[in-house]
N, C-alpha and C. Protein backbone atom coordinates (compact mmCIF):
# COMPACT_ATOMS: atom_id res chain seq x y z
N MET A 1 9.18 -14.28 25.14
CA MET A 1 8.06 -14.25 24.22
C MET A 1 8.32 -15.22 23.07
N PRO A 2 8.71 -16.43 23.28
CA PRO A 2 9.09 -17.28 22.15
C PRO A 2 7.93 -17.69 21.23
N HIS A 3 6.76 -18.01 21.75
CA HIS A 3 5.67 -18.49 20.89
C HIS A 3 4.67 -17.34 20.70
N VAL A 4 4.54 -16.87 19.46
CA VAL A 4 3.63 -15.77 19.17
C VAL A 4 2.70 -16.15 18.02
N PHE A 5 1.57 -15.49 17.96
CA PHE A 5 0.53 -15.76 16.97
C PHE A 5 0.22 -14.46 16.23
N PHE A 6 0.06 -14.55 14.92
CA PHE A 6 -0.19 -13.39 14.07
C PHE A 6 -1.66 -13.42 13.63
N HIS A 7 -2.51 -12.67 14.32
CA HIS A 7 -3.93 -12.63 14.01
C HIS A 7 -4.22 -11.48 13.05
N LEU A 8 -5.02 -11.75 12.03
CA LEU A 8 -5.39 -10.74 11.03
C LEU A 8 -6.76 -10.17 11.39
N CYS A 9 -6.83 -8.84 11.48
CA CYS A 9 -8.08 -8.17 11.84
C CYS A 9 -8.42 -7.13 10.78
N ASP A 10 -9.70 -7.01 10.46
CA ASP A 10 -10.11 -5.96 9.51
C ASP A 10 -11.19 -5.06 10.08
N GLY A 11 -11.39 -5.09 11.35
CA GLY A 11 -12.42 -4.27 11.97
C GLY A 11 -13.71 -5.02 12.19
N ASP A 12 -14.05 -5.92 11.27
CA ASP A 12 -15.27 -6.72 11.40
C ASP A 12 -14.95 -8.18 11.69
N ASP A 13 -13.93 -8.70 11.02
CA ASP A 13 -13.59 -10.11 11.14
C ASP A 13 -12.20 -10.28 11.74
N LEU A 14 -11.99 -11.45 12.30
CA LEU A 14 -10.71 -11.80 12.90
C LEU A 14 -10.33 -13.18 12.40
N VAL A 15 -9.16 -13.29 11.80
CA VAL A 15 -8.64 -14.58 11.34
C VAL A 15 -7.52 -14.95 12.30
N LEU A 16 -7.76 -16.00 13.07
CA LEU A 16 -6.80 -16.40 14.09
C LEU A 16 -5.70 -17.28 13.51
N ASP A 17 -4.50 -17.04 13.96
CA ASP A 17 -3.34 -17.86 13.64
C ASP A 17 -3.30 -18.96 14.70
N ASP A 18 -3.68 -20.17 14.33
CA ASP A 18 -3.75 -21.27 15.30
C ASP A 18 -2.40 -21.92 15.56
N GLU A 19 -1.46 -21.77 14.62
CA GLU A 19 -0.16 -22.42 14.76
C GLU A 19 0.87 -21.55 15.45
N GLY A 20 0.94 -20.30 15.05
CA GLY A 20 1.94 -19.41 15.62
C GLY A 20 3.33 -19.80 15.17
N ARG A 21 4.30 -19.15 15.77
CA ARG A 21 5.69 -19.48 15.49
C ARG A 21 6.57 -19.05 16.65
N ILE A 22 7.74 -19.60 16.68
CA ILE A 22 8.70 -19.28 17.72
C ILE A 22 9.56 -18.12 17.22
N ILE A 23 9.52 -17.01 17.94
CA ILE A 23 10.35 -15.84 17.63
C ILE A 23 10.90 -15.34 18.96
N ASP A 24 12.22 -15.21 19.02
CA ASP A 24 12.88 -14.95 20.29
C ASP A 24 12.90 -13.51 20.78
N ASP A 25 12.85 -12.53 19.88
CA ASP A 25 12.96 -11.15 20.36
C ASP A 25 11.95 -10.25 19.67
N HIS A 26 11.69 -9.13 20.31
CA HIS A 26 10.65 -8.22 19.84
C HIS A 26 10.99 -7.63 18.47
N ALA A 27 12.24 -7.32 18.21
CA ALA A 27 12.62 -6.77 16.91
C ALA A 27 12.28 -7.75 15.79
N ALA A 28 12.47 -9.02 16.04
CA ALA A 28 12.15 -10.04 15.04
C ALA A 28 10.63 -10.16 14.85
N VAL A 29 9.87 -9.95 15.91
CA VAL A 29 8.40 -9.95 15.81
C VAL A 29 7.94 -8.80 14.92
N VAL A 30 8.50 -7.62 15.15
CA VAL A 30 8.15 -6.43 14.36
C VAL A 30 8.48 -6.68 12.88
N LYS A 31 9.66 -7.22 12.61
CA LYS A 31 10.08 -7.49 11.24
C LYS A 31 9.16 -8.53 10.58
N ALA A 32 8.80 -9.58 11.31
CA ALA A 32 7.93 -10.63 10.77
C ALA A 32 6.54 -10.09 10.47
N ALA A 33 5.99 -9.26 11.34
CA ALA A 33 4.67 -8.67 11.12
C ALA A 33 4.69 -7.79 9.87
N LEU A 34 5.74 -7.00 9.71
CA LEU A 34 5.86 -6.14 8.54
C LEU A 34 5.96 -6.97 7.26
N HIS A 35 6.73 -8.03 7.31
CA HIS A 35 6.87 -8.93 6.16
C HIS A 35 5.53 -9.56 5.79
N GLU A 36 4.78 -10.03 6.79
CA GLU A 36 3.47 -10.64 6.55
C GLU A 36 2.50 -9.62 5.95
N ALA A 37 2.44 -8.43 6.52
CA ALA A 37 1.52 -7.40 6.02
C ALA A 37 1.85 -7.02 4.59
N ARG A 38 3.12 -6.81 4.31
CA ARG A 38 3.51 -6.43 2.95
C ARG A 38 3.25 -7.56 1.95
N GLY A 39 3.40 -8.79 2.39
CA GLY A 39 3.09 -9.92 1.52
C GLY A 39 1.61 -9.95 1.16
N MET A 40 0.75 -9.71 2.15
CA MET A 40 -0.69 -9.69 1.89
C MET A 40 -1.08 -8.50 1.02
N ILE A 41 -0.47 -7.36 1.28
CA ILE A 41 -0.74 -6.17 0.46
C ILE A 41 -0.32 -6.43 -0.98
N SER A 42 0.83 -7.06 -1.17
CA SER A 42 1.30 -7.39 -2.53
C SER A 42 0.34 -8.31 -3.25
N ALA A 43 -0.15 -9.32 -2.55
CA ALA A 43 -1.09 -10.26 -3.16
C ALA A 43 -2.38 -9.54 -3.54
N GLU A 44 -2.85 -8.65 -2.67
CA GLU A 44 -4.06 -7.89 -2.98
C GLU A 44 -3.84 -6.98 -4.18
N ALA A 45 -2.67 -6.34 -4.25
CA ALA A 45 -2.38 -5.44 -5.38
C ALA A 45 -2.40 -6.19 -6.70
N MET A 46 -1.97 -7.44 -6.70
CA MET A 46 -2.00 -8.25 -7.92
C MET A 46 -3.44 -8.53 -8.36
N GLN A 47 -4.39 -8.44 -7.45
CA GLN A 47 -5.80 -8.62 -7.76
C GLN A 47 -6.48 -7.28 -8.07
N GLY A 48 -5.70 -6.19 -8.02
CA GLY A 48 -6.24 -4.89 -8.38
C GLY A 48 -6.88 -4.12 -7.25
N ARG A 49 -6.62 -4.52 -6.03
CA ARG A 49 -7.19 -3.80 -4.88
C ARG A 49 -6.22 -3.90 -3.71
N VAL A 50 -6.29 -2.93 -2.83
CA VAL A 50 -5.49 -2.97 -1.60
C VAL A 50 -6.36 -2.43 -0.48
N TRP A 51 -6.53 -3.23 0.55
CA TRP A 51 -7.32 -2.81 1.70
C TRP A 51 -6.36 -2.46 2.83
N LEU A 52 -6.24 -1.20 3.14
CA LEU A 52 -5.32 -0.76 4.18
C LEU A 52 -5.99 -0.61 5.53
N ASP A 53 -7.24 -1.07 5.66
CA ASP A 53 -7.94 -0.98 6.93
C ASP A 53 -7.74 -2.22 7.79
N GLN A 54 -6.83 -3.09 7.39
CA GLN A 54 -6.55 -4.31 8.15
C GLN A 54 -5.38 -4.08 9.10
N ARG A 55 -5.20 -5.01 10.01
CA ARG A 55 -4.05 -4.95 10.90
C ARG A 55 -3.66 -6.37 11.31
N ILE A 56 -2.45 -6.49 11.78
CA ILE A 56 -1.98 -7.74 12.36
C ILE A 56 -1.75 -7.50 13.84
N ASP A 57 -2.40 -8.30 14.67
CA ASP A 57 -2.14 -8.29 16.10
C ASP A 57 -1.27 -9.50 16.42
N VAL A 58 -0.10 -9.26 16.95
CA VAL A 58 0.78 -10.35 17.36
C VAL A 58 0.56 -10.54 18.85
N VAL A 59 0.16 -11.75 19.23
CA VAL A 59 -0.13 -12.03 20.63
C VAL A 59 0.77 -13.16 21.12
N ASP A 60 1.05 -13.12 22.42
CA ASP A 60 1.84 -14.19 23.01
C ASP A 60 0.92 -15.33 23.42
N ALA A 61 1.48 -16.37 24.02
CA ALA A 61 0.70 -17.56 24.39
C ALA A 61 -0.40 -17.24 25.40
N ALA A 62 -0.24 -16.17 26.17
CA ALA A 62 -1.25 -15.77 27.15
C ALA A 62 -2.35 -14.92 26.52
N GLY A 63 -2.19 -14.56 25.23
CA GLY A 63 -3.18 -13.74 24.55
C GLY A 63 -2.94 -12.25 24.64
N THR A 64 -1.80 -11.86 25.19
CA THR A 64 -1.45 -10.45 25.32
C THR A 64 -0.88 -9.94 24.00
N ILE A 65 -1.39 -8.80 23.54
CA ILE A 65 -0.86 -8.20 22.32
C ILE A 65 0.54 -7.68 22.61
N VAL A 66 1.52 -8.19 21.85
CA VAL A 66 2.91 -7.75 22.01
C VAL A 66 3.33 -6.81 20.89
N HIS A 67 2.55 -6.79 19.81
CA HIS A 67 2.80 -5.86 18.71
C HIS A 67 1.54 -5.75 17.86
N ARG A 68 1.28 -4.55 17.37
CA ARG A 68 0.14 -4.32 16.47
C ARG A 68 0.65 -3.52 15.28
N LEU A 69 0.31 -3.99 14.08
CA LEU A 69 0.73 -3.29 12.87
C LEU A 69 -0.48 -3.03 11.99
N GLN A 70 -0.80 -1.76 11.77
CA GLN A 70 -1.83 -1.37 10.84
C GLN A 70 -1.26 -1.50 9.43
N PHE A 71 -2.02 -2.06 8.50
CA PHE A 71 -1.53 -2.19 7.12
C PHE A 71 -1.16 -0.82 6.53
N ALA A 72 -1.91 0.21 6.89
CA ALA A 72 -1.63 1.55 6.39
C ALA A 72 -0.24 2.03 6.82
N ASP A 73 0.29 1.47 7.90
CA ASP A 73 1.63 1.83 8.36
C ASP A 73 2.72 0.95 7.76
N ALA A 74 2.33 -0.05 6.99
CA ALA A 74 3.29 -0.99 6.41
C ALA A 74 3.82 -0.53 5.06
N VAL A 75 3.18 0.45 4.47
CA VAL A 75 3.58 0.94 3.15
C VAL A 75 3.49 2.46 3.12
N PHE A 76 4.19 3.05 2.18
CA PHE A 76 4.08 4.48 1.91
C PHE A 76 3.45 4.63 0.54
N LEU A 77 2.39 5.39 0.45
CA LEU A 77 1.72 5.62 -0.83
C LEU A 77 2.00 7.05 -1.28
N LYS A 78 2.50 7.18 -2.48
CA LYS A 78 2.69 8.50 -3.06
C LYS A 78 1.78 8.60 -4.28
N LEU A 79 0.82 9.48 -4.19
CA LEU A 79 -0.15 9.68 -5.27
C LEU A 79 0.21 10.93 -6.05
N PRO A 80 -0.09 10.96 -7.34
CA PRO A 80 0.18 12.16 -8.13
C PRO A 80 -0.62 13.35 -7.59
N ALA A 81 -0.03 14.53 -7.71
CA ALA A 81 -0.73 15.75 -7.29
C ALA A 81 -2.04 15.87 -8.04
N GLY A 82 -3.11 16.15 -7.32
CA GLY A 82 -4.41 16.33 -7.94
C GLY A 82 -5.12 15.05 -8.34
N TRP A 83 -4.57 13.92 -8.01
CA TRP A 83 -5.16 12.63 -8.40
C TRP A 83 -6.52 12.45 -7.73
N GLN A 84 -7.46 11.97 -8.52
CA GLN A 84 -8.80 11.65 -8.03
C GLN A 84 -9.14 10.25 -8.52
N PRO A 85 -9.72 9.41 -7.68
CA PRO A 85 -10.08 8.05 -8.13
C PRO A 85 -11.17 8.10 -9.19
N VAL A 86 -11.08 7.18 -10.14
CA VAL A 86 -12.10 7.06 -11.19
C VAL A 86 -13.35 6.44 -10.59
N SER A 87 -13.18 5.39 -9.80
CA SER A 87 -14.31 4.77 -9.12
C SER A 87 -13.80 4.13 -7.84
N ALA A 88 -14.69 3.90 -6.92
CA ALA A 88 -14.29 3.32 -5.63
C ALA A 88 -13.94 1.85 -5.76
N HIS A 89 -14.48 1.16 -6.74
CA HIS A 89 -14.26 -0.29 -6.86
C HIS A 89 -13.86 -0.68 -8.28
N GLY A 90 -13.12 0.17 -8.97
CA GLY A 90 -12.74 -0.07 -10.35
C GLY A 90 -11.87 -1.22 -10.49
């Protein structure tokens, strides 16, 4: 599985990775997908929002999904007991 592509999906849209990268083993693919997702989540948090409904589909050159990572599985959120959002888009 040396050449893989990291496609970003949000349920409605798909952003294709046209370049891909060479990664030799599955453990490295899992680690790279986690790194990419957390990087995007971090960038979103700096803008004051985090969308956890996205995912990264890692596909091989044949288009077969070799790994899927939901953004919600890339982080652990601990909220205060009894916390309620002030607004949905604050």
